[in-house]
Amino acid sequence: MRLTAAIDAGGTKIAGALVDQENRLRWRIEEPTPMVDGARDPGLATVVEVALRLEAEADRRGAKLDGLGVGLPEYVADGVVQGRDVLAWDRQPAELLAAALPGECGVPGVPGLPGVPVTVESDVRLGALAEWKLGAGVSAGADSMVYVSWGTGLSSAFATSAGVWPGSQGRAIALGELRVDSGVDPAWDGNLEAYASGHGIARRFEQLTGAPAGAGARHVAEACAGGDATARRVLTSAGRAVGHAIAAAVFLLDPALIVVGGGFGLADTPAVHAAHEAYTQLVIATHRTAPRWLPAGCGTDAGLLGAALAARS
């Protein structure tokens, strides 16, 4: 039996899975992303630990690994990570992980792989790949798609029949770098990610109330459900800002489909409802009809499934 190892590393958690040839998750693990002296997962120690656990589990099952796909919340061009915006790596992740998985993995006595091939990509492009090949893109029968990952961070990717477009420098993912529309918040002087990502929502709530949002945006959503007016204001303003940004992506790219994923993007909150409402109003005012807006068909496993697909390509 052959399995593919997949890792989806984010600012909050690091998930890993063994994926079979039918793209089913056969085994899954998850670890919180450690923060050490202000640095997330220094040296990618937890990412490597998860990779080794995946290899050990595949070996325990008598399976061979045909590759390891890794999604990181960073800019990536041709497998080379371009920055340290989220994770504190000090050696190129593909090189680090290939060195950590040098041995054969398979049934004892049966020749295995001389090493496990490693594929590294931006996490949002892997999520888009899964949605395009296995999820909402397939179910909608669309010829093009903008995928938005709305979680701890905020990013996007564009997919067509040619694949998921990386951009000339691997940077075609930066939805969160857009400015917040002045019609949403004229006083805001930062980018969209700092305003409307899960981390940004929690930080804005803390600044307005002085109450720590230890559980991040989830805490803000819970406060809103309990009747907190400030929490509702923070969530709806974040949603409107995201809706404006997605409308701008439609004006620029003219996709057939919008797919929203990520832990926060798939949650039932006033932010998501406000985003959809603002998006629809803006696009219809110009285009008369708006591209369909669907939740990610692969759910929060889109990054893992996309990592497995990329590892096999």
C-alpha atoms as a PDB file:
ATOM      1  CA  MET A   1       0.000   0.000   0.000  1.00  0.00           C
ATOM      2  CA  ARG A   2       1.213   3.500  -0.832  1.00  0.00           C
ATOM      3  CA  LEU A   3       0.352   6.564   1.181  1.00  0.00           C
ATOM      4  CA  THR A   4       1.232  10.233   0.856  1.00  0.00           C
ATOM      5  CA  ALA A   5       2.268  12.282   3.860  1.00  0.00           C
ATOM      6  CA  ALA A   6       0.786  15.764   4.090  1.00  0.00           C
ATOM      7  CA  ILE A   7       1.448  18.657   6.451  1.00  0.00           C
ATOM      8  CA  ASP A   8      -0.514  21.895   6.753  1.00  0.00           C
ATOM      9  CA  ALA A   9       1.442  24.254   9.018  1.00  0.00           C
ATOM     10  CA  GLY A  10      -0.185  27.460  10.169  1.00  0.00           C
ATOM     11  CA  GLY A  11       0.188  30.144  12.754  1.00  0.00           C
ATOM     12  CA  THR A  12      -2.114  28.358  15.205  1.00  0.00           C
ATOM     13  CA  LYS A  13      -1.723  24.642  14.498  1.00  0.00           C
ATOM     14  CA  ILE A  14       0.339  22.159  12.543  1.00  0.00           C
ATOM     15  CA  ALA A  15      -1.731  19.336  11.075  1.00  0.00           C
ATOM     16  CA  GLY A  16      -0.448  16.179   9.426  1.00  0.00           C
ATOM     17  CA  ALA A  17      -2.130  13.297   7.649  1.00  0.00           C
ATOM     18  CA  LEU A  18      -1.535  10.112   5.720  1.00  0.00           C
ATOM     19  CA  VAL A  19      -3.563  10.241   2.516  1.00  0.00           C
ATOM     20  CA  ASP A  20      -4.331   7.242   0.326  1.00  0.00           C
ATOM     21  CA  GLN A  21      -4.471   7.135  -3.463  1.00  0.00           C
ATOM     22  CA  GLU A  22      -8.223   7.853  -3.384  1.00  0.00           C
ATOM     23  CA  ASN A  23      -7.511  11.057  -1.461  1.00  0.00           C
ATOM     24  CA  ARG A  24      -8.921   9.800   1.808  1.00  0.00           C
ATOM     25  CA  LEU A  25      -7.296  10.805   5.079  1.00  0.00           C
ATOM     26  CA  ARG A  26      -6.301   7.539   6.718  1.00  0.00           C
ATOM     27  CA  TRP A  27      -4.591   8.964   9.791  1.00  0.00           C
ATOM     28  CA  ARG A  28      -4.460  12.503  11.156  1.00  0.00           C
ATOM     29  CA  ILE A  29      -2.501  14.310  13.847  1.00  0.00           C
ATOM     30  CA  GLU A  30      -2.439  17.892  15.041  1.00  0.00           C
ATOM     31  CA  GLU A  31      -0.145  19.935  17.260  1.00  0.00           C
ATOM     32  CA  PRO A  32      -0.397  23.558  18.357  1.00  0.00           C
ATOM     33  CA  THR A  33       2.141  25.810  16.681  1.00  0.00           C
ATOM     34  CA  PRO A  34       4.601  26.598  19.477  1.00  0.00           C
ATOM     35  CA  MET A  35       5.575  30.158  20.261  1.00  0.00           C
ATOM     36  CA  VAL A  36       9.080  30.540  21.734  1.00  0.00           C
ATOM     37  CA  ASP A  37      10.344  34.016  22.602  1.00  0.00           C
ATOM     38  CA  GLY A  38       7.993  35.534  20.058  1.00  0.00           C
ATOM     39  CA  ALA A  39       8.965  33.092  17.274  1.00  0.00           C
ATOM     40  CA  ARG A  40       6.587  30.484  15.874  1.00  0.00           C
ATOM     41  CA  ASP A  41       8.030  26.960  15.675  1.00  0.00           C
ATOM     42  CA  PRO A  42      11.737  27.933  15.676  1.00  0.00           C
ATOM     43  CA  GLY A  43      13.741  25.809  13.264  1.00  0.00           C
ATOM     44  CA  LEU A  44      10.448  24.108  12.245  1.00  0.00           C
ATOM     45  CA  ALA A  45      11.032  21.617  15.055  1.00  0.00           C
ATOM     46  CA  THR A  46       7.332  20.747  15.348  1.00  0.00           C
ATOM     47  CA  VAL A  47       6.892  20.466  11.570  1.00  0.00           C
ATOM     48  CA  VAL A  48       9.779  17.974  11.492  1.00  0.00           C
ATOM     49  CA  GLU A  49       8.342  16.086  14.474  1.00  0.00           C
ATOM     50  CA  VAL A  50       4.988  15.747  12.688  1.00  0.00           C
ATOM     51  CA  ALA A  51       6.747  14.511   9.527  1.00  0.00           C
ATOM     52  CA  LEU A  52       8.627  11.861  11.501  1.00  0.00           C
ATOM     53  CA  ARG A  53       5.423  10.719  13.184  1.00  0.00           C
ATOM     54  CA  LEU A  54       3.753  10.374   9.795  1.00  0.00           C
ATOM     55  CA  GLU A  55       6.669   8.302   8.516  1.00  0.00           C
ATOM     56  CA  ALA A  56       6.585   6.086  11.616  1.00  0.00           C
ATOM     57  CA  GLU A  57       2.836   5.518  11.285  1.00  0.00           C
ATOM     58  CA  ALA A  58       3.164   4.635   7.610  1.00  0.00           C
ATOM     59  CA  ASP A  59       5.898   2.170   8.511  1.00  0.00           C
ATOM     60  CA  ARG A  60       3.729   0.681  11.267  1.00  0.00           C
ATOM     61  CA  ARG A  61       0.999   0.092   8.680  1.00  0.00           C
ATOM     62  CA  GLY A  62       3.437  -1.587   6.299  1.00  0.00           C
ATOM     63  CA  ALA A  63       2.944   1.218   3.785  1.00  0.00           C
ATOM     64  CA  LYS A  64       5.383   3.065   1.562  1.00  0.00           C
ATOM     65  CA  LEU A  65       5.390   6.834   1.446  1.00  0.00           C
ATOM     66  CA  ASP A  66       5.385   8.133  -2.114  1.00  0.00           C
ATOM     67  CA  GLY A  67       6.074  11.692  -0.995  1.00  0.00           C
ATOM     68  CA  LEU A  68       5.594  14.428   1.569  1.00  0.00           C
ATOM     69  CA  GLY A  69       3.686  17.591   0.699  1.00  0.00           C
ATOM     70  CA  VAL A  70       4.005  20.588   2.995  1.00  0.00           C
ATOM     71  CA  GLY A  71       1.947  23.769   3.039  1.00  0.00           C
ATOM     72  CA  LEU A  72       3.415  26.805   4.781  1.00  0.00           C
ATOM     73  CA  PRO A  73       1.856  30.226   5.429  1.00  0.00           C
ATOM     74  CA  GLU A  74       4.660  31.951   3.524  1.00  0.00           C
ATOM     75  CA  TYR A  75       5.507  33.108   0.021  1.00  0.00           C
ATOM     76  CA  VAL A  76       6.940  30.161  -1.937  1.00  0.00           C
ATOM     77  CA  ALA A  77       8.407  30.158  -5.449  1.00  0.00           C
ATOM     78  CA  ASP A  78       9.299  26.813  -7.056  1.00  0.00           C
ATOM     79  CA  GLY A  79       9.568  25.152  -3.653  1.00  0.00           C
ATOM     80  CA  VAL A  80      11.815  27.855  -2.198  1.00  0.00           C
ATOM     81  CA  VAL A  81      10.359  29.723   0.775  1.00  0.00           C
ATOM     82  CA  GLN A  82      10.809  33.468   0.304  1.00  0.00           C
ATOM     83  CA  GLY A  83      10.223  34.910   3.761  1.00  0.00           C
ATOM     84  CA  ARG A  84       9.680  34.378   7.477  1.00  0.00           C
ATOM     85  CA  ASP A  85       6.417  36.232   7.915  1.00  0.00           C
ATOM     86  CA  VAL A  86       4.875  33.523  10.124  1.00  0.00           C
ATOM     87  CA  LEU A  87       7.246  30.624  10.882  1.00  0.00           C
ATOM     88  CA  ALA A  88      10.799  30.957  12.200  1.00  0.00           C
ATOM     89  CA  TRP A  89      12.633  28.604   9.844  1.00  0.00           C
ATOM     90  CA  ASP A  90      16.408  28.841   9.559  1.00  0.00           C
ATOM     91  CA  ARG A  91      17.017  26.262   6.798  1.00  0.00           C
ATOM     92  CA  GLN A  92      15.015  25.839   3.626  1.00  0.00           C
ATOM     93  CA  PRO A  93      12.082  23.602   4.675  1.00  0.00           C
ATOM     94  CA  ALA A  94      12.360  21.236   1.696  1.00  0.00           C
ATOM     95  CA  GLU A  95      16.035  20.623   2.441  1.00  0.00           C
ATOM     96  CA  LEU A  96      15.406  20.270   6.175  1.00  0.00           C
ATOM     97  CA  LEU A  97      12.582  17.767   5.756  1.00  0.00           C
ATOM     98  CA  ALA A  98      14.376  15.728   3.072  1.00  0.00           C
ATOM     99  CA  ALA A  99      17.294  15.343   5.487  1.00  0.00           C
ATOM    100  CA  ALA A 100      14.921  14.329   8.287  1.00  0.00           C
ATOM    101  CA  LEU A 101      13.321  11.575   6.160  1.00  0.00           C
ATOM    102  CA  PRO A 102      16.336   9.903   4.527  1.00  0.00           C
ATOM    103  CA  GLY A 103      15.458   6.278   5.186  1.00  0.00           C
ATOM    104  CA  GLU A 104      13.350   3.719   3.439  1.00  0.00           C
ATOM    105  CA  CYS A 105       9.743   3.414   4.484  1.00  0.00           C
ATOM    106  CA  GLY A 106       7.959   0.175   3.736  1.00  0.00           C
ATOM    107  CA  VAL A 107       7.559  -3.475   4.564  1.00  0.00           C
ATOM    108  CA  PRO A 108      10.709  -4.901   6.217  1.00  0.00           C
ATOM    109  CA  GLY A 109      12.830  -6.708   3.666  1.00  0.00           C
ATOM    110  CA  VAL A 110      11.126  -5.055   0.712  1.00  0.00           C
ATOM    111  CA  PRO A 111      13.087  -2.292  -1.059  1.00  0.00           C
ATOM    112  CA  GLY A 112      11.487   1.070  -0.415  1.00  0.00           C
ATOM    113  CA  LEU A 113      12.134   4.593  -1.554  1.00  0.00           C
ATOM    114  CA  PRO A 114      15.734   5.857  -1.299  1.00  0.00           C
ATOM    115  CA  GLY A 115      14.234   8.808   0.541  1.00  0.00           C
ATOM    116  CA  VAL A 116      10.916  10.571   0.714  1.00  0.00           C
ATOM    117  CA  PRO A 117      10.498  13.290  -1.956  1.00  0.00           C
ATOM    118  CA  VAL A 118       9.436  16.578  -0.371  1.00  0.00           C
ATOM    119  CA  THR A 119       7.230  19.223  -2.006  1.00  0.00           C
ATOM    120  CA  VAL A 120       6.826  22.625  -0.327  1.00  0.00           C
ATOM    121  CA  GLU A 121       4.203  25.161  -1.370  1.00  0.00           C
ATOM    122  CA  SER A 122       2.207  28.083   0.028  1.00  0.00           C
ATOM    123  CA  ASP A 123      -0.647  26.709   2.101  1.00  0.00           C
ATOM    124  CA  VAL A 124      -3.352  28.737   0.353  1.00  0.00           C
ATOM    125  CA  ARG A 125      -2.314  27.450  -3.084  1.00  0.00           C
ATOM    126  CA  LEU A 126      -2.557  23.898  -1.771  1.00  0.00           C
ATOM    127  CA  GLY A 127      -6.022  24.626  -0.407  1.00  0.00           C
ATOM    128  CA  ALA A 128      -6.984  26.044  -3.790  1.00  0.00           C
ATOM    129  CA  LEU A 129      -5.577  22.963  -5.534  1.00  0.00           C
ATOM    130  CA  ALA A 130      -7.715  20.663  -3.396  1.00  0.00           C
ATOM    131  CA  GLU A 131     -10.848  22.701  -3.982  1.00  0.00           C
ATOM    132  CA  TRP A 132     -10.152  22.850  -7.718  1.00  0.00           C
ATOM    133  CA  LYS A 133      -9.434  19.134  -8.114  1.00  0.00           C
ATOM    134  CA  LEU A 134     -11.633  17.587  -5.414  1.00  0.00           C
ATOM    135  CA  GLY A 135     -13.953  20.132  -3.820  1.00  0.00           C
ATOM    136  CA  ALA A 136     -16.188  23.049  -4.695  1.00  0.00           C
ATOM    137  CA  GLY A 137     -14.525  23.693  -8.044  1.00  0.00           C
ATOM    138  CA  VAL A 138     -15.528  20.220  -9.181  1.00  0.00           C
ATOM    139  CA  SER A 139     -19.060  20.327  -7.805  1.00  0.00           C
ATOM    140  CA  ALA A 140     -19.698  23.739  -9.367  1.00  0.00           C
ATOM    141  CA  GLY A 141     -18.221  22.786 -12.744  1.00  0.00           C
ATOM    142  CA  ALA A 142     -16.505  26.174 -12.888  1.00  0.00           C
ATOM    143  CA  ASP A 143     -13.791  27.159 -15.382  1.00  0.00           C
ATOM    144  CA  SER A 144     -12.061  29.496 -12.911  1.00  0.00           C
ATOM    145  CA  MET A 145     -12.064  30.075  -9.179  1.00  0.00           C
ATOM    146  CA  VAL A 146     -10.807  32.442  -6.513  1.00  0.00           C
ATOM    147  CA  TYR A 147     -10.120  30.558  -3.301  1.00  0.00           C
ATOM    148  CA  VAL A 148      -9.962  32.543  -0.057  1.00  0.00           C
ATOM    149  CA  SER A 149      -8.399  31.099   3.068  1.00  0.00           C
ATOM    150  CA  TRP A 150      -9.755  33.008   6.065  1.00  0.00           C
ATOM    151  CA  GLY A 151      -8.247  31.800   9.307  1.00  0.00           C
ATOM    152  CA  THR A 152      -5.479  33.009  11.579  1.00  0.00           C
ATOM    153  CA  GLY A 153      -4.235  34.799   8.455  1.00  0.00           C
ATOM    154  CA  LEU A 154      -5.963  35.863   5.248  1.00  0.00           C
ATOM    155  CA  SER A 155      -4.854  34.930   1.737  1.00  0.00           C
ATOM    156  CA  SER A 156      -6.170  33.823  -1.642  1.00  0.00           C
ATOM    157  CA  ALA A 157      -5.274  31.977  -4.837  1.00  0.00           C
ATOM    158  CA  PHE A 158      -6.608  31.906  -8.389  1.00  0.00           C
ATOM    159  CA  ALA A 159      -7.216  28.642 -10.260  1.00  0.00           C
ATOM    160  CA  THR A 160      -8.079  27.896 -13.893  1.00  0.00           C
ATOM    161  CA  SER A 161      -7.791  24.879 -16.170  1.00  0.00           C
ATOM    162  CA  ALA A 162      -4.053  25.663 -16.330  1.00  0.00           C
ATOM    163  CA  GLY A 163      -3.772  25.107 -12.566  1.00  0.00           C
ATOM    164  CA  VAL A 164      -3.319  27.349  -9.552  1.00  0.00           C
ATOM    165  CA  TRP A 165      -1.512  30.486 -10.644  1.00  0.00           C
ATOM    166  CA  PRO A 166       1.604  31.202  -8.535  1.00  0.00           C
ATOM    167  CA  GLY A 167       2.442  34.597 -10.005  1.00  0.00           C
ATOM    168  CA  SER A 168       5.823  35.585 -11.396  1.00  0.00           C
ATOM    169  CA  GLN A 169       7.504  35.425  -7.979  1.00  0.00           C
ATOM    170  CA  GLY A 170       5.214  33.045  -6.104  1.00  0.00           C
ATOM    171  CA  ARG A 171       3.413  35.978  -4.486  1.00  0.00           C
ATOM    172  CA  ALA A 172      -0.067  35.757  -6.024  1.00  0.00           C
ATOM    173  CA  ILE A 173      -1.628  34.977  -2.637  1.00  0.00           C
ATOM    174  CA  ALA A 174      -1.559  38.326  -0.849  1.00  0.00           C
ATOM    175  CA  LEU A 175      -5.226  39.229  -0.407  1.00  0.00           C
ATOM    176  CA  GLY A 176      -4.416  40.272   3.147  1.00  0.00           C
ATOM    177  CA  GLU A 177      -2.023  42.958   1.912  1.00  0.00           C
ATOM    178  CA  LEU A 178      -4.872  44.967   0.358  1.00  0.00           C
ATOM    179  CA  ARG A 179      -5.943  48.137   2.114  1.00  0.00           C
ATOM    180  CA  VAL A 180      -9.196  48.259   4.045  1.00  0.00           C
ATOM    181  CA  ASP A 181     -11.808  50.182   2.076  1.00  0.00           C
ATOM    182  CA  SER A 182     -12.358  53.617   3.621  1.00  0.00           C
ATOM    183  CA  GLY A 183     -16.095  53.052   3.408  1.00  0.00           C
ATOM    184  CA  VAL A 184     -15.690  50.244   5.938  1.00  0.00           C
ATOM    185  CA  ASP A 185     -13.366  52.001   8.372  1.00  0.00           C
ATOM    186  CA  PRO A 186     -11.924  55.403   7.419  1.00  0.00           C
ATOM    187  CA  ALA A 187      -9.758  55.479  10.544  1.00  0.00           C
ATOM    188  CA  TRP A 188      -7.911  52.225   9.855  1.00  0.00           C
ATOM    189  CA  ASP A 189      -4.307  52.641   8.729  1.00  0.00           C
ATOM    190  CA  GLY A 190      -3.240  49.022   8.301  1.00  0.00           C
ATOM    191  CA  ASN A 191      -3.778  46.221   5.811  1.00  0.00           C
ATOM    192  CA  LEU A 192      -6.712  43.830   5.502  1.00  0.00           C
ATOM    193  CA  GLU A 193      -5.040  40.928   7.315  1.00  0.00           C
ATOM    194  CA  ALA A 194      -4.358  43.036  10.401  1.00  0.00           C
ATOM    195  CA  TYR A 195      -8.006  44.112  10.322  1.00  0.00           C
ATOM    196  CA  ALA A 196      -9.981  41.025   9.389  1.00  0.00           C
ATOM    197  CA  SER A 197      -7.941  37.839   9.846  1.00  0.00           C
ATOM    198  CA  GLY A 198      -8.620  35.723  12.923  1.00  0.00           C
ATOM    199  CA  HIS A 199      -5.571  37.232  14.584  1.00  0.00           C
ATOM    200  CA  GLY A 200      -6.573  40.743  13.518  1.00  0.00           C
ATOM    201  CA  ILE A 201     -10.130  40.357  14.797  1.00  0.00           C
ATOM    202  CA  ALA A 202      -8.891  39.206  18.202  1.00  0.00           C
ATOM    203  CA  ARG A 203      -6.367  42.026  18.412  1.00  0.00           C
ATOM    204  CA  ARG A 204      -8.895  44.716  17.508  1.00  0.00           C
ATOM    205  CA  PHE A 205     -11.335  43.366  20.101  1.00  0.00           C
ATOM    206  CA  GLU A 206      -8.616  43.457  22.753  1.00  0.00           C
ATOM    207  CA  GLN A 207      -7.705  47.043  21.846  1.00  0.00           C
ATOM    208  CA  LEU A 208     -11.327  48.200  22.042  1.00  0.00           C
ATOM    209  CA  THR A 209     -12.267  46.405  25.252  1.00  0.00           C
ATOM    210  CA  GLY A 210      -9.034  45.793  27.129  1.00  0.00           C
ATOM    211  CA  ALA A 211     -10.205  42.204  27.595  1.00  0.00           C
ATOM    212  CA  PRO A 212      -7.728  39.581  26.344  1.00  0.00           C
ATOM    213  CA  ALA A 213      -9.081  37.367  23.555  1.00  0.00           C
ATOM    214  CA  GLY A 214      -7.042  34.326  24.522  1.00  0.00           C
ATOM    215  CA  ALA A 215      -8.857  31.994  22.131  1.00  0.00           C
ATOM    216  CA  GLY A 216      -8.489  34.408  19.234  1.00  0.00           C
ATOM    217  CA  ALA A 217     -11.383  35.146  16.904  1.00  0.00           C
ATOM    218  CA  ARG A 218     -13.314  32.231  18.389  1.00  0.00           C
ATOM    219  CA  HIS A 219     -13.510  34.151  21.681  1.00  0.00           C
ATOM    220  CA  VAL A 220     -14.822  37.208  19.842  1.00  0.00           C
ATOM    221  CA  ALA A 221     -17.461  35.091  18.082  1.00  0.00           C
ATOM    222  CA  GLU A 222     -18.521  33.593  21.412  1.00  0.00           C
ATOM    223  CA  ALA A 223     -18.740  37.052  22.963  1.00  0.00           C
ATOM    224  CA  CYS A 224     -20.890  38.171  20.043  1.00  0.00           C
ATOM    225  CA  ALA A 225     -23.203  35.188  20.478  1.00  0.00           C
ATOM    226  CA  GLY A 226     -23.535  36.200  24.124  1.00  0.00           C
ATOM    227  CA  GLY A 227     -24.753  39.663  23.149  1.00  0.00           C
ATOM    228  CA  ASP A 228     -21.523  41.690  23.227  1.00  0.00           C
ATOM    229  CA  ALA A 229     -22.119  44.696  20.947  1.00  0.00           C
ATOM    230  CA  THR A 230     -18.418  45.467  20.521  1.00  0.00           C
ATOM    231  CA  ALA A 231     -17.715  41.911  19.408  1.00  0.00           C
ATOM    232  CA  ARG A 232     -20.496  42.138  16.845  1.00  0.00           C
ATOM    233  CA  ARG A 233     -19.148  45.447  15.553  1.00  0.00           C
ATOM    234  CA  VAL A 234     -15.655  44.022  15.186  1.00  0.00           C
ATOM    235  CA  LEU A 235     -16.936  40.937  13.376  1.00  0.00           C
ATOM    236  CA  THR A 236     -19.272  42.720  10.981  1.00  0.00           C
ATOM    237  CA  SER A 237     -16.683  45.352  10.080  1.00  0.00           C
ATOM    238  CA  ALA A 238     -14.131  42.592   9.419  1.00  0.00           C
ATOM    239  CA  GLY A 239     -16.639  40.813   7.216  1.00  0.00           C
ATOM    240  CA  ARG A 240     -17.467  43.919   5.236  1.00  0.00           C
ATOM    241  CA  ALA A 241     -13.744  44.563   4.660  1.00  0.00           C
ATOM    242  CA  VAL A 242     -13.250  41.009   3.381  1.00  0.00           C
ATOM    243  CA  GLY A 243     -16.334  41.294   1.168  1.00  0.00           C
ATOM    244  CA  HIS A 244     -14.918  44.466  -0.410  1.00  0.00           C
ATOM    245  CA  ALA A 245     -11.585  42.723  -1.055  1.00  0.00           C
ATOM    246  CA  ILE A 246     -13.204  39.686  -2.677  1.00  0.00           C
ATOM    247  CA  ALA A 247     -15.303  41.994  -4.852  1.00  0.00           C
ATOM    248  CA  ALA A 248     -12.081  43.688  -5.966  1.00  0.00           C
ATOM    249  CA  ALA A 249     -10.680  40.279  -6.908  1.00  0.00           C
ATOM    250  CA  VAL A 250     -13.788  39.663  -9.028  1.00  0.00           C
ATOM    251  CA  PHE A 251     -13.396  43.009 -10.787  1.00  0.00           C
ATOM    252  CA  LEU A 252      -9.751  42.182 -11.554  1.00  0.00           C
ATOM    253  CA  LEU A 253      -9.938  38.476 -12.448  1.00  0.00           C
ATOM    254  CA  ASP A 254     -13.572  37.815 -13.477  1.00  0.00           C
ATOM    255  CA  PRO A 255     -13.703  34.290 -11.992  1.00  0.00           C
ATOM    256  CA  ALA A 256     -16.687  31.983 -12.301  1.00  0.00           C
ATOM    257  CA  LEU A 257     -16.598  30.950  -8.646  1.00  0.00           C
ATOM    258  CA  ILE A 258     -15.622  32.184  -5.178  1.00  0.00           C
ATOM    259  CA  VAL A 259     -14.731  29.517  -2.616  1.00  0.00           C
ATOM    260  CA  VAL A 260     -14.179  30.487   0.997  1.00  0.00           C
ATOM    261  CA  GLY A 261     -12.321  28.176   3.368  1.00  0.00           C
ATOM    262  CA  GLY A 262     -10.143  28.326   6.434  1.00  0.00           C
ATOM    263  CA  GLY A 263     -11.301  27.786   9.984  1.00  0.00           C
ATOM    264  CA  PHE A 264     -12.871  31.212  10.316  1.00  0.00           C
ATOM    265  CA  GLY A 265     -14.202  31.382   6.761  1.00  0.00           C
ATOM    266  CA  LEU A 266     -16.175  28.173   7.347  1.00  0.00           C
ATOM    267  CA  ALA A 267     -17.607  29.267  10.699  1.00  0.00           C
ATOM    268  CA  ASP A 268     -21.173  30.528  11.057  1.00  0.00           C
ATOM    269  CA  THR A 269     -20.458  34.054  12.293  1.00  0.00           C
ATOM    270  CA  PRO A 270     -21.689  37.584  11.563  1.00  0.00           C
ATOM    271  CA  ALA A 271     -18.323  38.198   9.869  1.00  0.00           C
ATOM    272  CA  VAL A 272     -18.936  35.630   7.148  1.00  0.00           C
ATOM    273  CA  HIS A 273     -22.512  36.784   6.609  1.00  0.00           C
ATOM    274  CA  ALA A 274     -21.377  40.417   6.380  1.00  0.00           C
ATOM    275  CA  ALA A 275     -18.636  39.467   3.918  1.00  0.00           C
ATOM    276  CA  HIS A 276     -21.077  37.683   1.620  1.00  0.00           C
ATOM    277  CA  GLU A 277     -23.602  40.527   1.793  1.00  0.00           C
ATOM    278  CA  ALA A 278     -21.017  43.227   1.035  1.00  0.00           C
ATOM    279  CA  TYR A 279     -19.494  41.167  -1.789  1.00  0.00           C
ATOM    280  CA  THR A 280     -22.873  40.522  -3.402  1.00  0.00           C
ATOM    281  CA  GLN A 281     -23.999  44.146  -3.229  1.00  0.00           C
ATOM    282  CA  LEU A 282     -20.769  45.495  -4.679  1.00  0.00           C
ATOM    283  CA  VAL A 283     -20.477  43.000  -7.536  1.00  0.00           C
ATOM    284  CA  ILE A 284     -24.118  43.102  -8.545  1.00  0.00           C
ATOM    285  CA  ALA A 285     -23.989  46.906  -8.679  1.00  0.00           C
ATOM    286  CA  THR A 286     -21.331  46.648 -11.404  1.00  0.00           C
ATOM    287  CA  HIS A 287     -21.719  43.209 -12.997  1.00  0.00           C
ATOM    288  CA  ARG A 288     -25.477  42.621 -12.486  1.00  0.00           C
ATOM    289  CA  THR A 289     -24.717  39.064 -11.413  1.00  0.00           C
ATOM    290  CA  ALA A 290     -22.139  37.861  -8.928  1.00  0.00           C
ATOM    291  CA  PRO A 291     -20.066  34.673  -9.224  1.00  0.00           C
ATOM    292  CA  ARG A 292     -21.312  31.912  -6.961  1.00  0.00           C
ATOM    293  CA  TRP A 293     -19.936  31.943  -3.428  1.00  0.00           C
ATOM    294  CA  LEU A 294     -19.456  28.480  -1.934  1.00  0.00           C
ATOM    295  CA  PRO A 295     -17.881  27.160   1.256  1.00  0.00           C
ATOM    296  CA  ALA A 296     -14.817  24.964   0.770  1.00  0.00           C
ATOM    297  CA  GLY A 297     -16.006  21.491  -0.182  1.00  0.00           C
ATOM    298  CA  CYS A 298     -12.935  19.900   1.426  1.00  0.00           C
ATOM    299  CA  GLY A 299     -13.547  21.849   4.615  1.00  0.00           C
ATOM    300  CA  THR A 300     -10.602  22.520   6.881  1.00  0.00           C
ATOM    301  CA  ASP A 301      -8.763  19.535   5.333  1.00  0.00           C
ATOM    302  CA  ALA A 302      -8.271  21.359   2.027  1.00  0.00           C
ATOM    303  CA  GLY A 303      -4.655  22.196   2.849  1.00  0.00           C
ATOM    304  CA  LEU A 304      -3.805  18.599   3.703  1.00  0.00           C
ATOM    305  CA  LEU A 305      -5.488  17.193   0.615  1.00  0.00           C
ATOM    306  CA  GLY A 306      -3.805  19.794  -1.572  1.00  0.00           C
ATOM    307  CA  ALA A 307      -0.439  18.937  -0.034  1.00  0.00           C
ATOM    308  CA  ALA A 308      -0.961  15.279  -0.936  1.00  0.00           C
ATOM    309  CA  LEU A 309      -1.996  16.166  -4.492  1.00  0.00           C
ATOM    310  CA  ALA A 310       1.080  18.381  -4.947  1.00  0.00           C
ATOM    311  CA  ALA A 311       3.396  15.700  -3.578  1.00  0.00           C
ATOM    312  CA  ARG A 312       2.158  13.269  -6.220  1.00  0.00           C
ATOM    313  CA  SER A 313       2.282  15.685  -9.169  1.00  0.00           C
END
